[in-house]
């Protein structure tokens, strides 16, 4: 998720070209200068189903606060729901309610400019703590950390340790905290949270990573592990410094067979040869919007098909039976 994106911002401009050789854009949602992008490695594509995006405008005319979300990933034996919720919230907005968007999802990542500030301490105390590397002093008065004790909407949400300086507010083009007439206090406004929906199953208490708050579990089989959480203080194009995190998601499902098996009986030498057959496995939910696409080797986007044909389902289509298109 990125904010303050220019008019020509796109997924191609946000990812190095060498990375586009191994990953594909699967979803995007844009609202003014806020852009949410979701990419996938090629080998994950067969397991992505029902990807949806949605945006919500709040505030003055919808321009002060916005939220975009994207999900979901599906596998045989059940649908695993994943929600990516990206928010840009104004300081005047008292709360953002991720449950309104993601209450049914198994895993929720909530991130963006959440605009939480540091209470009580004046700007001189905050800057002194930063300069002397006494960040734990500021953690205690961080609005998000304090809200976890009083706001039910934050129940279950985890965050890695803030072992980096506050990422806001800087003079643009510099590494200097705000020197304008407003002299805003530095704060960790840019955050990355995650939550697993509880199933009531016992949580393994022996995990050292769990005790540090870096790993969370769902039913003892699915887990989210955060490998790092840091800021990129070298950037100067904004009054914010970017924040990133790396996670591993371990799912309890094991997939041995593709959801759909495609067969081409012979080489196509003329238009009339251009037929293929597909077979679906048990548990696959058909839709009247299903289609089969023809792609060139090395395609970069799911919309880069050379041709496609609808694979509409009907009452005669049965699991395990092949269908010709």
C-alpha atoms as a PDB file:
ATOM      1  CA  UNK A   1       0.000   0.000   0.000  1.00  0.00           C
ATOM      2  CA  UNK A   2       1.294   3.443  -0.902  1.00  0.00           C
ATOM      3  CA  UNK A   3      -0.051   6.953  -0.483  1.00  0.00           C
ATOM      4  CA  UNK A   4       0.655  10.321  -2.083  1.00  0.00           C
ATOM      5  CA  UNK A   5       0.748   8.558  -5.458  1.00  0.00           C
ATOM      6  CA  UNK A   6       0.895  10.742  -8.548  1.00  0.00           C
ATOM      7  CA  UNK A   7      -1.661  10.708 -11.350  1.00  0.00           C
ATOM      8  CA  UNK A   8       0.329   8.131 -13.331  1.00  0.00           C
ATOM      9  CA  UNK A   9       1.007   5.763 -10.406  1.00  0.00           C
ATOM     10  CA  UNK A  10       0.571   2.071 -11.245  1.00  0.00           C
ATOM     11  CA  UNK A  11       1.765  -1.373 -10.247  1.00  0.00           C
ATOM     12  CA  UNK A  12       4.502  -1.226 -12.879  1.00  0.00           C
ATOM     13  CA  UNK A  13       5.932   1.895 -11.282  1.00  0.00           C
ATOM     14  CA  UNK A  14       5.878   0.490  -7.749  1.00  0.00           C
ATOM     15  CA  UNK A  15       7.766  -2.749  -8.351  1.00  0.00           C
ATOM     16  CA  UNK A  16      11.270  -3.235  -9.811  1.00  0.00           C
ATOM     17  CA  UNK A  17      11.129  -4.549 -13.376  1.00  0.00           C
ATOM     18  CA  UNK A  18      13.223  -7.602 -12.508  1.00  0.00           C
ATOM     19  CA  UNK A  19      10.589  -8.582  -9.907  1.00  0.00           C
ATOM     20  CA  UNK A  20       7.819  -8.450 -12.522  1.00  0.00           C
ATOM     21  CA  UNK A  21       9.467 -11.491 -14.124  1.00  0.00           C
ATOM     22  CA  UNK A  22       8.528 -13.709 -11.171  1.00  0.00           C
ATOM     23  CA  UNK A  23       5.379 -12.052  -9.760  1.00  0.00           C
ATOM     24  CA  UNK A  24       2.072 -10.970 -11.253  1.00  0.00           C
ATOM     25  CA  UNK A  25      -0.363  -8.233 -10.180  1.00  0.00           C
ATOM     26  CA  UNK A  26      -3.632  -9.887  -9.114  1.00  0.00           C
ATOM     27  CA  UNK A  27      -5.596  -6.967  -7.635  1.00  0.00           C
ATOM     28  CA  UNK A  28      -5.436  -3.217  -7.152  1.00  0.00           C
ATOM     29  CA  UNK A  29      -7.590  -0.539  -5.566  1.00  0.00           C
ATOM     30  CA  UNK A  30      -7.005   3.180  -5.891  1.00  0.00           C
ATOM     31  CA  UNK A  31      -8.605   6.195  -4.260  1.00  0.00           C
ATOM     32  CA  UNK A  32      -7.081   9.579  -5.053  1.00  0.00           C
ATOM     33  CA  UNK A  33      -3.415   9.298  -4.023  1.00  0.00           C
ATOM     34  CA  UNK A  34      -3.863   6.054  -2.056  1.00  0.00           C
ATOM     35  CA  UNK A  35      -3.026   2.837  -3.898  1.00  0.00           C
ATOM     36  CA  UNK A  36      -3.317  -0.783  -2.726  1.00  0.00           C
ATOM     37  CA  UNK A  37      -1.561  -3.384  -4.886  1.00  0.00           C
ATOM     38  CA  UNK A  38      -1.556  -7.173  -4.472  1.00  0.00           C
ATOM     39  CA  UNK A  39       0.977  -9.348  -6.278  1.00  0.00           C
ATOM     40  CA  UNK A  40       1.500 -13.098  -6.395  1.00  0.00           C
ATOM     41  CA  UNK A  41       4.285 -15.393  -7.468  1.00  0.00           C
ATOM     42  CA  UNK A  42       3.442 -17.504 -10.510  1.00  0.00           C
ATOM     43  CA  UNK A  43       3.259 -20.800  -8.600  1.00  0.00           C
ATOM     44  CA  UNK A  44       0.607 -19.393  -6.212  1.00  0.00           C
ATOM     45  CA  UNK A  45      -1.796 -18.386  -8.994  1.00  0.00           C
ATOM     46  CA  UNK A  46      -3.664 -21.755  -9.183  1.00  0.00           C
ATOM     47  CA  UNK A  47      -4.650 -21.366  -5.523  1.00  0.00           C
ATOM     48  CA  UNK A  48      -6.076 -17.836  -5.676  1.00  0.00           C
ATOM     49  CA  UNK A  49      -9.853 -17.726  -5.971  1.00  0.00           C
ATOM     50  CA  UNK A  50     -12.556 -15.108  -5.639  1.00  0.00           C
ATOM     51  CA  UNK A  51     -10.177 -12.137  -5.447  1.00  0.00           C
ATOM     52  CA  UNK A  52     -12.217  -9.010  -4.675  1.00  0.00           C
ATOM     53  CA  UNK A  53     -11.409  -5.371  -3.996  1.00  0.00           C
ATOM     54  CA  UNK A  54     -13.464  -2.679  -2.337  1.00  0.00           C
ATOM     55  CA  UNK A  55     -12.930   0.892  -1.169  1.00  0.00           C
ATOM     56  CA  UNK A  56     -14.715   3.025   1.399  1.00  0.00           C
ATOM     57  CA  UNK A  57     -14.682   6.822   1.528  1.00  0.00           C
ATOM     58  CA  UNK A  58     -15.143   8.707   4.763  1.00  0.00           C
ATOM     59  CA  UNK A  59     -14.435  12.226   5.925  1.00  0.00           C
ATOM     60  CA  UNK A  60     -14.982  15.393   3.917  1.00  0.00           C
ATOM     61  CA  UNK A  61     -16.315  14.318   0.528  1.00  0.00           C
ATOM     62  CA  UNK A  62     -14.502  11.008   0.950  1.00  0.00           C
ATOM     63  CA  UNK A  63     -11.087  12.598   0.519  1.00  0.00           C
ATOM     64  CA  UNK A  64      -9.792  12.614   4.105  1.00  0.00           C
ATOM     65  CA  UNK A  65      -9.985   8.981   5.020  1.00  0.00           C
ATOM     66  CA  UNK A  66     -10.130   5.925   2.853  1.00  0.00           C
ATOM     67  CA  UNK A  67      -9.759   2.200   3.147  1.00  0.00           C
ATOM     68  CA  UNK A  68      -9.119  -0.406   0.490  1.00  0.00           C
ATOM     69  CA  UNK A  69      -9.188  -4.157   0.918  1.00  0.00           C
ATOM     70  CA  UNK A  70      -8.347  -7.184  -1.146  1.00  0.00           C
ATOM     71  CA  UNK A  71      -8.757 -10.943  -0.558  1.00  0.00           C
ATOM     72  CA  UNK A  72      -9.026 -13.997  -0.777  1.00  0.00           C
ATOM     73  CA  UNK A  73      -7.137 -17.253  -1.247  1.00  0.00           C
ATOM     74  CA  UNK A  74      -8.916 -20.564  -1.751  1.00  0.00           C
ATOM     75  CA  UNK A  75      -7.814 -24.186  -1.636  1.00  0.00           C
ATOM     76  CA  UNK A  76      -9.547 -27.572  -1.994  1.00  0.00           C
ATOM     77  CA  UNK A  77     -11.396 -28.596   1.119  1.00  0.00           C
ATOM     78  CA  UNK A  78     -12.409 -25.076   2.020  1.00  0.00           C
ATOM     79  CA  UNK A  79     -11.977 -21.366   1.426  1.00  0.00           C
ATOM     80  CA  UNK A  80      -9.230 -19.591   3.334  1.00  0.00           C
ATOM     81  CA  UNK A  81     -10.125 -15.910   3.639  1.00  0.00           C
ATOM     82  CA  UNK A  82      -7.342 -13.335   3.632  1.00  0.00           C
ATOM     83  CA  UNK A  83      -8.006  -9.601   3.952  1.00  0.00           C
ATOM     84  CA  UNK A  84      -5.522  -6.813   3.233  1.00  0.00           C
ATOM     85  CA  UNK A  85      -6.902  -3.571   4.652  1.00  0.00           C
ATOM     86  CA  UNK A  86      -5.027  -0.389   3.738  1.00  0.00           C
ATOM     87  CA  UNK A  87      -6.122   2.848   5.431  1.00  0.00           C
ATOM     88  CA  UNK A  88      -5.130   6.473   5.249  1.00  0.00           C
ATOM     89  CA  UNK A  89      -6.824   8.139   8.210  1.00  0.00           C
ATOM     90  CA  UNK A  90      -6.868  11.830   9.044  1.00  0.00           C
ATOM     91  CA  UNK A  91      -5.877  12.934  12.528  1.00  0.00           C
ATOM     92  CA  UNK A  92      -9.459  14.166  12.981  1.00  0.00           C
ATOM     93  CA  UNK A  93     -10.843  10.647  12.491  1.00  0.00           C
ATOM     94  CA  UNK A  94     -11.343   9.041  15.886  1.00  0.00           C
ATOM     95  CA  UNK A  95     -11.438   5.411  14.766  1.00  0.00           C
ATOM     96  CA  UNK A  96     -11.157   3.092  11.800  1.00  0.00           C
ATOM     97  CA  UNK A  97     -13.142  -0.139  12.169  1.00  0.00           C
ATOM     98  CA  UNK A  98     -11.505  -3.011  10.275  1.00  0.00           C
ATOM     99  CA  UNK A  99     -14.187  -5.409  11.517  1.00  0.00           C
ATOM    100  CA  UNK A 100     -16.709  -3.621   9.313  1.00  0.00           C
ATOM    101  CA  UNK A 101     -14.734  -4.853   6.322  1.00  0.00           C
ATOM    102  CA  UNK A 102     -13.001  -8.018   7.494  1.00  0.00           C
ATOM    103  CA  UNK A 103     -14.961  -9.651  10.299  1.00  0.00           C
ATOM    104  CA  UNK A 104     -15.371 -12.920   8.372  1.00  0.00           C
ATOM    105  CA  UNK A 105     -11.753 -13.270   7.273  1.00  0.00           C
ATOM    106  CA  UNK A 106      -9.367 -15.747   8.834  1.00  0.00           C
ATOM    107  CA  UNK A 107      -6.327 -13.488   8.484  1.00  0.00           C
ATOM    108  CA  UNK A 108      -6.383  -9.682   8.396  1.00  0.00           C
ATOM    109  CA  UNK A 109      -3.460  -7.382   7.668  1.00  0.00           C
ATOM    110  CA  UNK A 110      -4.324  -3.785   8.608  1.00  0.00           C
ATOM    111  CA  UNK A 111      -1.783  -1.188   7.575  1.00  0.00           C
ATOM    112  CA  UNK A 112      -1.276   2.352   6.355  1.00  0.00           C
ATOM    113  CA  UNK A 113      -1.141   5.877   7.737  1.00  0.00           C
ATOM    114  CA  UNK A 114      -3.232   5.158  10.832  1.00  0.00           C
ATOM    115  CA  UNK A 115      -2.283   8.559  12.288  1.00  0.00           C
ATOM    116  CA  UNK A 116      -1.748   7.491  15.892  1.00  0.00           C
ATOM    117  CA  UNK A 117       0.320  10.049  17.817  1.00  0.00           C
ATOM    118  CA  UNK A 118       2.304  10.254  21.087  1.00  0.00           C
ATOM    119  CA  UNK A 119       0.372  11.663  24.045  1.00  0.00           C
ATOM    120  CA  UNK A 120       1.456  13.808  27.015  1.00  0.00           C
ATOM    121  CA  UNK A 121       5.133  14.367  26.235  1.00  0.00           C
ATOM    122  CA  UNK A 122       6.033  17.673  24.597  1.00  0.00           C
ATOM    123  CA  UNK A 123       8.117  17.848  21.443  1.00  0.00           C
ATOM    124  CA  UNK A 124      11.406  18.365  23.312  1.00  0.00           C
ATOM    125  CA  UNK A 125      10.938  15.190  25.374  1.00  0.00           C
ATOM    126  CA  UNK A 126      10.005  13.182  22.260  1.00  0.00           C
ATOM    127  CA  UNK A 127      13.005  14.400  20.251  1.00  0.00           C
ATOM    128  CA  UNK A 128      15.355  13.814  23.196  1.00  0.00           C
ATOM    129  CA  UNK A 129      14.119  10.227  23.542  1.00  0.00           C
ATOM    130  CA  UNK A 130      14.727   9.651  19.821  1.00  0.00           C
ATOM    131  CA  UNK A 131      18.217  11.175  19.881  1.00  0.00           C
ATOM    132  CA  UNK A 132      19.202   9.126  22.942  1.00  0.00           C
ATOM    133  CA  UNK A 133      17.639   5.904  21.612  1.00  0.00           C
ATOM    134  CA  UNK A 134      15.136   5.689  24.458  1.00  0.00           C
ATOM    135  CA  UNK A 135      12.236   4.582  22.276  1.00  0.00           C
ATOM    136  CA  UNK A 136      10.572   2.440  25.010  1.00  0.00           C
ATOM    137  CA  UNK A 137       9.784   5.698  26.820  1.00  0.00           C
ATOM    138  CA  UNK A 138       7.673   6.740  23.819  1.00  0.00           C
ATOM    139  CA  UNK A 139       6.022   3.329  23.381  1.00  0.00           C
ATOM    140  CA  UNK A 140       4.244   3.837  26.694  1.00  0.00           C
ATOM    141  CA  UNK A 141       2.458   6.971  25.442  1.00  0.00           C
ATOM    142  CA  UNK A 142       1.837   5.787  21.892  1.00  0.00           C
ATOM    143  CA  UNK A 143      -1.906   6.154  21.216  1.00  0.00           C
ATOM    144  CA  UNK A 144      -2.202   2.782  19.465  1.00  0.00           C
ATOM    145  CA  UNK A 145      -0.492   0.896  22.284  1.00  0.00           C
ATOM    146  CA  UNK A 146      -2.767   2.582  24.815  1.00  0.00           C
ATOM    147  CA  UNK A 147      -5.880   1.978  22.697  1.00  0.00           C
ATOM    148  CA  UNK A 148      -5.253  -1.778  22.754  1.00  0.00           C
ATOM    149  CA  UNK A 149      -6.337  -1.745  26.406  1.00  0.00           C
ATOM    150  CA  UNK A 150      -9.613   0.083  25.787  1.00  0.00           C
ATOM    151  CA  UNK A 151     -10.761  -0.391  22.187  1.00  0.00           C
ATOM    152  CA  UNK A 152     -12.421  -3.749  21.495  1.00  0.00           C
ATOM    153  CA  UNK A 153     -11.892  -3.255  17.757  1.00  0.00           C
ATOM    154  CA  UNK A 154      -8.175  -3.867  18.364  1.00  0.00           C
ATOM    155  CA  UNK A 155      -8.720  -7.198  20.149  1.00  0.00           C
ATOM    156  CA  UNK A 156      -6.465  -9.838  18.659  1.00  0.00           C
ATOM    157  CA  UNK A 157      -4.408  -7.439  16.529  1.00  0.00           C
ATOM    158  CA  UNK A 158      -0.657  -7.859  16.884  1.00  0.00           C
ATOM    159  CA  UNK A 159       2.254  -5.640  15.943  1.00  0.00           C
ATOM    160  CA  UNK A 160       5.993  -6.169  15.938  1.00  0.00           C
ATOM    161  CA  UNK A 161       8.218  -4.029  18.187  1.00  0.00           C
ATOM    162  CA  UNK A 162       8.742  -0.421  17.120  1.00  0.00           C
ATOM    163  CA  UNK A 163      12.524  -0.608  17.029  1.00  0.00           C
ATOM    164  CA  UNK A 164      12.801   2.291  14.607  1.00  0.00           C
ATOM    165  CA  UNK A 165      12.359   6.058  15.110  1.00  0.00           C
ATOM    166  CA  UNK A 166       8.962   7.681  14.547  1.00  0.00           C
ATOM    167  CA  UNK A 167       8.288   7.975  10.811  1.00  0.00           C
ATOM    168  CA  UNK A 168       6.377  11.286  10.843  1.00  0.00           C
ATOM    169  CA  UNK A 169       6.593  14.285  10.389  1.00  0.00           C
ATOM    170  CA  UNK A 170       9.682  15.284   8.360  1.00  0.00           C
ATOM    171  CA  UNK A 171      10.506  18.323   6.256  1.00  0.00           C
ATOM    172  CA  UNK A 172      10.158  17.032   2.692  1.00  0.00           C
ATOM    173  CA  UNK A 173      13.530  16.434   1.053  1.00  0.00           C
ATOM    174  CA  UNK A 174      15.351  16.110   4.379  1.00  0.00           C
ATOM    175  CA  UNK A 175      15.857  13.831   7.395  1.00  0.00           C
ATOM    176  CA  UNK A 176      14.824  16.618   9.771  1.00  0.00           C
ATOM    177  CA  UNK A 177      11.662  16.433  11.848  1.00  0.00           C
ATOM    178  CA  UNK A 178       9.072  19.156  11.234  1.00  0.00           C
ATOM    179  CA  UNK A 179      10.478  22.688  11.532  1.00  0.00           C
ATOM    180  CA  UNK A 180       7.358  24.459  10.231  1.00  0.00           C
ATOM    181  CA  UNK A 181       5.327  26.835  12.358  1.00  0.00           C
ATOM    182  CA  UNK A 182       3.173  23.897  13.544  1.00  0.00           C
ATOM    183  CA  UNK A 183       6.222  21.888  14.733  1.00  0.00           C
ATOM    184  CA  UNK A 184       4.342  18.608  14.949  1.00  0.00           C
ATOM    185  CA  UNK A 185       5.645  16.038  17.407  1.00  0.00           C
ATOM    186  CA  UNK A 186       7.304  13.003  15.810  1.00  0.00           C
ATOM    187  CA  UNK A 187       5.018   9.956  15.876  1.00  0.00           C
ATOM    188  CA  UNK A 188       4.641   6.397  14.590  1.00  0.00           C
ATOM    189  CA  UNK A 189       1.714   7.149  12.287  1.00  0.00           C
ATOM    190  CA  UNK A 190       2.564   4.434   9.752  1.00  0.00           C
ATOM    191  CA  UNK A 191       1.788   0.978  11.131  1.00  0.00           C
ATOM    192  CA  UNK A 192       1.371  -2.667  10.113  1.00  0.00           C
ATOM    193  CA  UNK A 193      -0.943  -4.870  12.225  1.00  0.00           C
ATOM    194  CA  UNK A 194      -2.242  -8.387  11.766  1.00  0.00           C
ATOM    195  CA  UNK A 195      -4.873 -10.618  13.313  1.00  0.00           C
ATOM    196  CA  UNK A 196      -5.981 -14.239  13.107  1.00  0.00           C
ATOM    197  CA  UNK A 197      -9.597 -15.087  13.783  1.00  0.00           C
ATOM    198  CA  UNK A 198      -9.768 -17.171  16.925  1.00  0.00           C
ATOM    199  CA  UNK A 199     -11.137 -20.711  16.692  1.00  0.00           C
ATOM    200  CA  UNK A 200     -10.978 -21.598  20.386  1.00  0.00           C
ATOM    201  CA  UNK A 201      -8.217 -24.141  19.768  1.00  0.00           C
ATOM    202  CA  UNK A 202      -5.330 -24.230  22.248  1.00  0.00           C
ATOM    203  CA  UNK A 203      -2.383 -21.991  21.442  1.00  0.00           C
ATOM    204  CA  UNK A 204       1.099 -23.502  21.824  1.00  0.00           C
ATOM    205  CA  UNK A 205       2.661 -21.572  24.717  1.00  0.00           C
ATOM    206  CA  UNK A 206       6.146 -23.026  24.277  1.00  0.00           C
ATOM    207  CA  UNK A 207       6.896 -20.949  21.178  1.00  0.00           C
ATOM    208  CA  UNK A 208       9.545 -18.306  21.912  1.00  0.00           C
ATOM    209  CA  UNK A 209       8.447 -16.308  18.885  1.00  0.00           C
ATOM    210  CA  UNK A 210       4.871 -16.305  20.190  1.00  0.00           C
ATOM    211  CA  UNK A 211       6.028 -14.915  23.512  1.00  0.00           C
ATOM    212  CA  UNK A 212       7.727 -12.059  21.658  1.00  0.00           C
ATOM    213  CA  UNK A 213       4.504 -11.291  19.839  1.00  0.00           C
ATOM    214  CA  UNK A 214       5.932 -12.156  16.425  1.00  0.00           C
ATOM    215  CA  UNK A 215       3.942 -15.321  15.736  1.00  0.00           C
ATOM    216  CA  UNK A 216       0.205 -15.890  16.010  1.00  0.00           C
ATOM    217  CA  UNK A 217      -1.707 -19.139  15.569  1.00  0.00           C
ATOM    218  CA  UNK A 218      -5.103 -20.276  14.306  1.00  0.00           C
ATOM    219  CA  UNK A 219      -6.235 -23.705  15.416  1.00  0.00           C
ATOM    220  CA  UNK A 220      -2.657 -24.790  16.127  1.00  0.00           C
ATOM    221  CA  UNK A 221      -1.995 -25.367  12.397  1.00  0.00           C
ATOM    222  CA  UNK A 222      -2.180 -22.022  10.635  1.00  0.00           C
ATOM    223  CA  UNK A 223       0.265 -19.376  11.725  1.00  0.00           C
ATOM    224  CA  UNK A 224       1.587 -15.964  10.755  1.00  0.00           C
ATOM    225  CA  UNK A 225       5.249 -15.197  11.454  1.00  0.00           C
ATOM    226  CA  UNK A 226       6.736 -11.736  11.146  1.00  0.00           C
ATOM    227  CA  UNK A 227      10.394 -11.825  10.085  1.00  0.00           C
ATOM    228  CA  UNK A 228      11.090  -8.109  10.221  1.00  0.00           C
ATOM    229  CA  UNK A 229       9.392  -4.755  10.784  1.00  0.00           C
ATOM    230  CA  UNK A 230      11.356  -1.618  10.011  1.00  0.00           C
ATOM    231  CA  UNK A 231      11.333   1.805   8.420  1.00  0.00           C
ATOM    232  CA  UNK A 232      13.227   3.110   5.418  1.00  0.00           C
ATOM    233  CA  UNK A 233      14.651   6.358   6.712  1.00  0.00           C
ATOM    234  CA  UNK A 234      16.629   7.095   3.550  1.00  0.00           C
ATOM    235  CA  UNK A 235      13.567   8.245   1.588  1.00  0.00           C
ATOM    236  CA  UNK A 236      12.923  12.003   1.487  1.00  0.00           C
ATOM    237  CA  UNK A 237      10.131  12.412  -1.106  1.00  0.00           C
ATOM    238  CA  UNK A 238       7.417  12.658   1.563  1.00  0.00           C
ATOM    239  CA  UNK A 239       6.901  13.955   5.091  1.00  0.00           C
ATOM    240  CA  UNK A 240       6.520  10.259   6.061  1.00  0.00           C
ATOM    241  CA  UNK A 241       9.186   7.552   6.020  1.00  0.00           C
ATOM    242  CA  UNK A 242       8.011   4.234   4.499  1.00  0.00           C
ATOM    243  CA  UNK A 243       7.490   1.202   6.739  1.00  0.00           C
ATOM    244  CA  UNK A 244       7.675  -2.429   5.619  1.00  0.00           C
ATOM    245  CA  UNK A 245       7.319  -5.879   7.137  1.00  0.00           C
ATOM    246  CA  UNK A 246       7.924  -9.426   5.922  1.00  0.00           C
ATOM    247  CA  UNK A 247       5.540 -12.224   6.941  1.00  0.00           C
ATOM    248  CA  UNK A 248       5.270 -15.948   6.345  1.00  0.00           C
ATOM    249  CA  UNK A 249       1.779 -17.505   6.254  1.00  0.00           C
ATOM    250  CA  UNK A 250       1.579 -21.225   6.981  1.00  0.00           C
ATOM    251  CA  UNK A 251      -1.717 -22.769   5.887  1.00  0.00           C
ATOM    252  CA  UNK A 252      -3.075 -26.113   7.183  1.00  0.00           C
ATOM    253  CA  UNK A 253      -4.141 -27.244   3.713  1.00  0.00           C
ATOM    254  CA  UNK A 254      -2.120 -29.540   1.505  1.00  0.00           C
ATOM    255  CA  UNK A 255      -2.914 -29.488  -2.203  1.00  0.00           C
ATOM    256  CA  UNK A 256      -1.940 -32.531  -4.264  1.00  0.00           C
ATOM    257  CA  UNK A 257      -4.136 -31.956  -7.313  1.00  0.00           C
ATOM    258  CA  UNK A 258      -4.979 -28.823  -9.322  1.00  0.00           C
ATOM    259  CA  UNK A 259      -8.537 -27.542  -8.978  1.00  0.00           C
ATOM    260  CA  UNK A 260      -9.006 -27.717 -12.741  1.00  0.00           C
ATOM    261  CA  UNK A 261      -7.165 -30.048 -15.095  1.00  0.00           C
ATOM    262  CA  UNK A 262      -6.794 -28.857 -18.702  1.00  0.00           C
ATOM    263  CA  UNK A 263      -6.088 -31.146 -21.664  1.00  0.00           C
ATOM    264  CA  UNK A 264      -5.188 -30.302 -25.240  1.00  0.00           C
ATOM    265  CA  UNK A 265      -5.413 -33.433 -27.381  1.00  0.00           C
ATOM    266  CA  UNK A 266      -3.350 -32.336 -30.362  1.00  0.00           C
ATOM    267  CA  UNK A 267      -1.363 -29.476 -31.789  1.00  0.00           C
ATOM    268  CA  UNK A 268      -3.466 -26.656 -33.210  1.00  0.00           C
ATOM    269  CA  UNK A 269      -2.749 -26.079 -36.884  1.00  0.00           C
ATOM    270  CA  UNK A 270      -6.041 -24.448 -37.827  1.00  0.00           C
ATOM    271  CA  UNK A 271      -8.906 -22.646 -36.117  1.00  0.00           C
ATOM    272  CA  UNK A 272     -11.091 -25.738 -35.965  1.00  0.00           C
ATOM    273  CA  UNK A 273      -8.379 -27.512 -33.930  1.00  0.00           C
ATOM    274  CA  UNK A 274      -8.557 -24.906 -31.165  1.00  0.00           C
ATOM    275  CA  UNK A 275     -10.367 -27.022 -28.577  1.00  0.00           C
ATOM    276  CA  UNK A 276      -9.477 -28.089 -25.077  1.00  0.00           C
ATOM    277  CA  UNK A 277     -11.098 -30.109 -22.334  1.00  0.00           C
ATOM    278  CA  UNK A 278     -11.173 -29.362 -18.622  1.00  0.00           C
ATOM    279  CA  UNK A 279     -12.051 -31.494 -15.609  1.00  0.00           C
ATOM    280  CA  UNK A 280     -12.930 -30.108 -12.186  1.00  0.00           C
ATOM    281  CA  UNK A 281     -12.249 -31.828  -8.870  1.00  0.00           C
ATOM    282  CA  UNK A 282     -14.660 -32.406  -6.024  1.00  0.00           C
ATOM    283  CA  UNK A 283     -15.249 -29.316  -3.905  1.00  0.00           C
ATOM    284  CA  UNK A 284     -14.650 -26.838  -6.703  1.00  0.00           C
ATOM    285  CA  UNK A 285     -17.439 -24.260  -6.856  1.00  0.00           C
ATOM    286  CA  UNK A 286     -18.440 -23.556 -10.446  1.00  0.00           C
ATOM    287  CA  UNK A 287     -19.612 -20.142 -11.559  1.00  0.00           C
ATOM    288  CA  UNK A 288     -21.299 -18.801 -14.666  1.00  0.00           C
ATOM    289  CA  UNK A 289     -18.345 -16.374 -14.852  1.00  0.00           C
ATOM    290  CA  UNK A 290     -15.735 -19.139 -15.285  1.00  0.00           C
ATOM    291  CA  UNK A 291     -13.577 -18.766 -18.387  1.00  0.00           C
ATOM    292  CA  UNK A 292     -10.577 -20.421 -20.032  1.00  0.00           C
ATOM    293  CA  UNK A 293      -7.841 -18.140 -21.328  1.00  0.00           C
ATOM    294  CA  UNK A 294      -5.052 -18.608 -23.860  1.00  0.00           C
ATOM    295  CA  UNK A 295      -1.768 -16.898 -22.918  1.00  0.00           C
ATOM    296  CA  UNK A 296       1.638 -16.398 -24.440  1.00  0.00           C
ATOM    297  CA  UNK A 297       4.587 -17.804 -22.492  1.00  0.00           C
ATOM    298  CA  UNK A 298       5.892 -15.202 -20.051  1.00  0.00           C
ATOM    299  CA  UNK A 299       2.632 -13.261 -19.612  1.00  0.00           C
ATOM    300  CA  UNK A 300       2.770 -10.483 -16.976  1.00  0.00           C
ATOM    301  CA  UNK A 301      -0.879 -10.041 -16.000  1.00  0.00           C
ATOM    302  CA  UNK A 302      -3.967 -12.235 -15.916  1.00  0.00           C
ATOM    303  CA  UNK A 303      -5.589  -9.818 -18.376  1.00  0.00           C
ATOM    304  CA  UNK A 304      -2.838 -10.441 -20.949  1.00  0.00           C
ATOM    305  CA  UNK A 305      -4.762 -13.289 -22.604  1.00  0.00           C
ATOM    306  CA  UNK A 306      -4.558 -13.705 -26.374  1.00  0.00           C
ATOM    307  CA  UNK A 307      -8.086 -15.151 -26.417  1.00  0.00           C
ATOM    308  CA  UNK A 308     -10.651 -16.577 -24.018  1.00  0.00           C
ATOM    309  CA  UNK A 309     -13.887 -18.526 -24.010  1.00  0.00           C
ATOM    310  CA  UNK A 310     -16.622 -18.734 -21.385  1.00  0.00           C
ATOM    311  CA  UNK A 311     -16.805 -22.035 -19.527  1.00  0.00           C
ATOM    312  CA  UNK A 312     -20.337 -21.641 -18.249  1.00  0.00           C
ATOM    313  CA  UNK A 313     -21.631 -24.333 -15.951  1.00  0.00           C
ATOM    314  CA  UNK A 314     -24.922 -26.133 -16.448  1.00  0.00           C
ATOM    315  CA  UNK A 315     -26.808 -28.966 -14.823  1.00  0.00           C
ATOM    316  CA  UNK A 316     -25.092 -31.518 -17.053  1.00  0.00           C
ATOM    317  CA  UNK A 317     -21.637 -30.571 -15.782  1.00  0.00           C
ATOM    318  CA  UNK A 318     -20.585 -33.067 -13.110  1.00  0.00           C
ATOM    319  CA  UNK A 319     -17.522 -33.322 -10.951  1.00  0.00           C
ATOM    320  CA  UNK A 320     -14.916 -35.562 -12.574  1.00  0.00           C
ATOM    321  CA  UNK A 321     -16.490 -35.267 -16.057  1.00  0.00           C
ATOM    322  CA  UNK A 322     -14.488 -33.457 -18.732  1.00  0.00           C
ATOM    323  CA  UNK A 323     -16.008 -30.536 -20.625  1.00  0.00           C
ATOM    324  CA  UNK A 324     -14.914 -29.370 -24.060  1.00  0.00           C
ATOM    325  CA  UNK A 325     -14.507 -25.690 -24.907  1.00  0.00           C
END
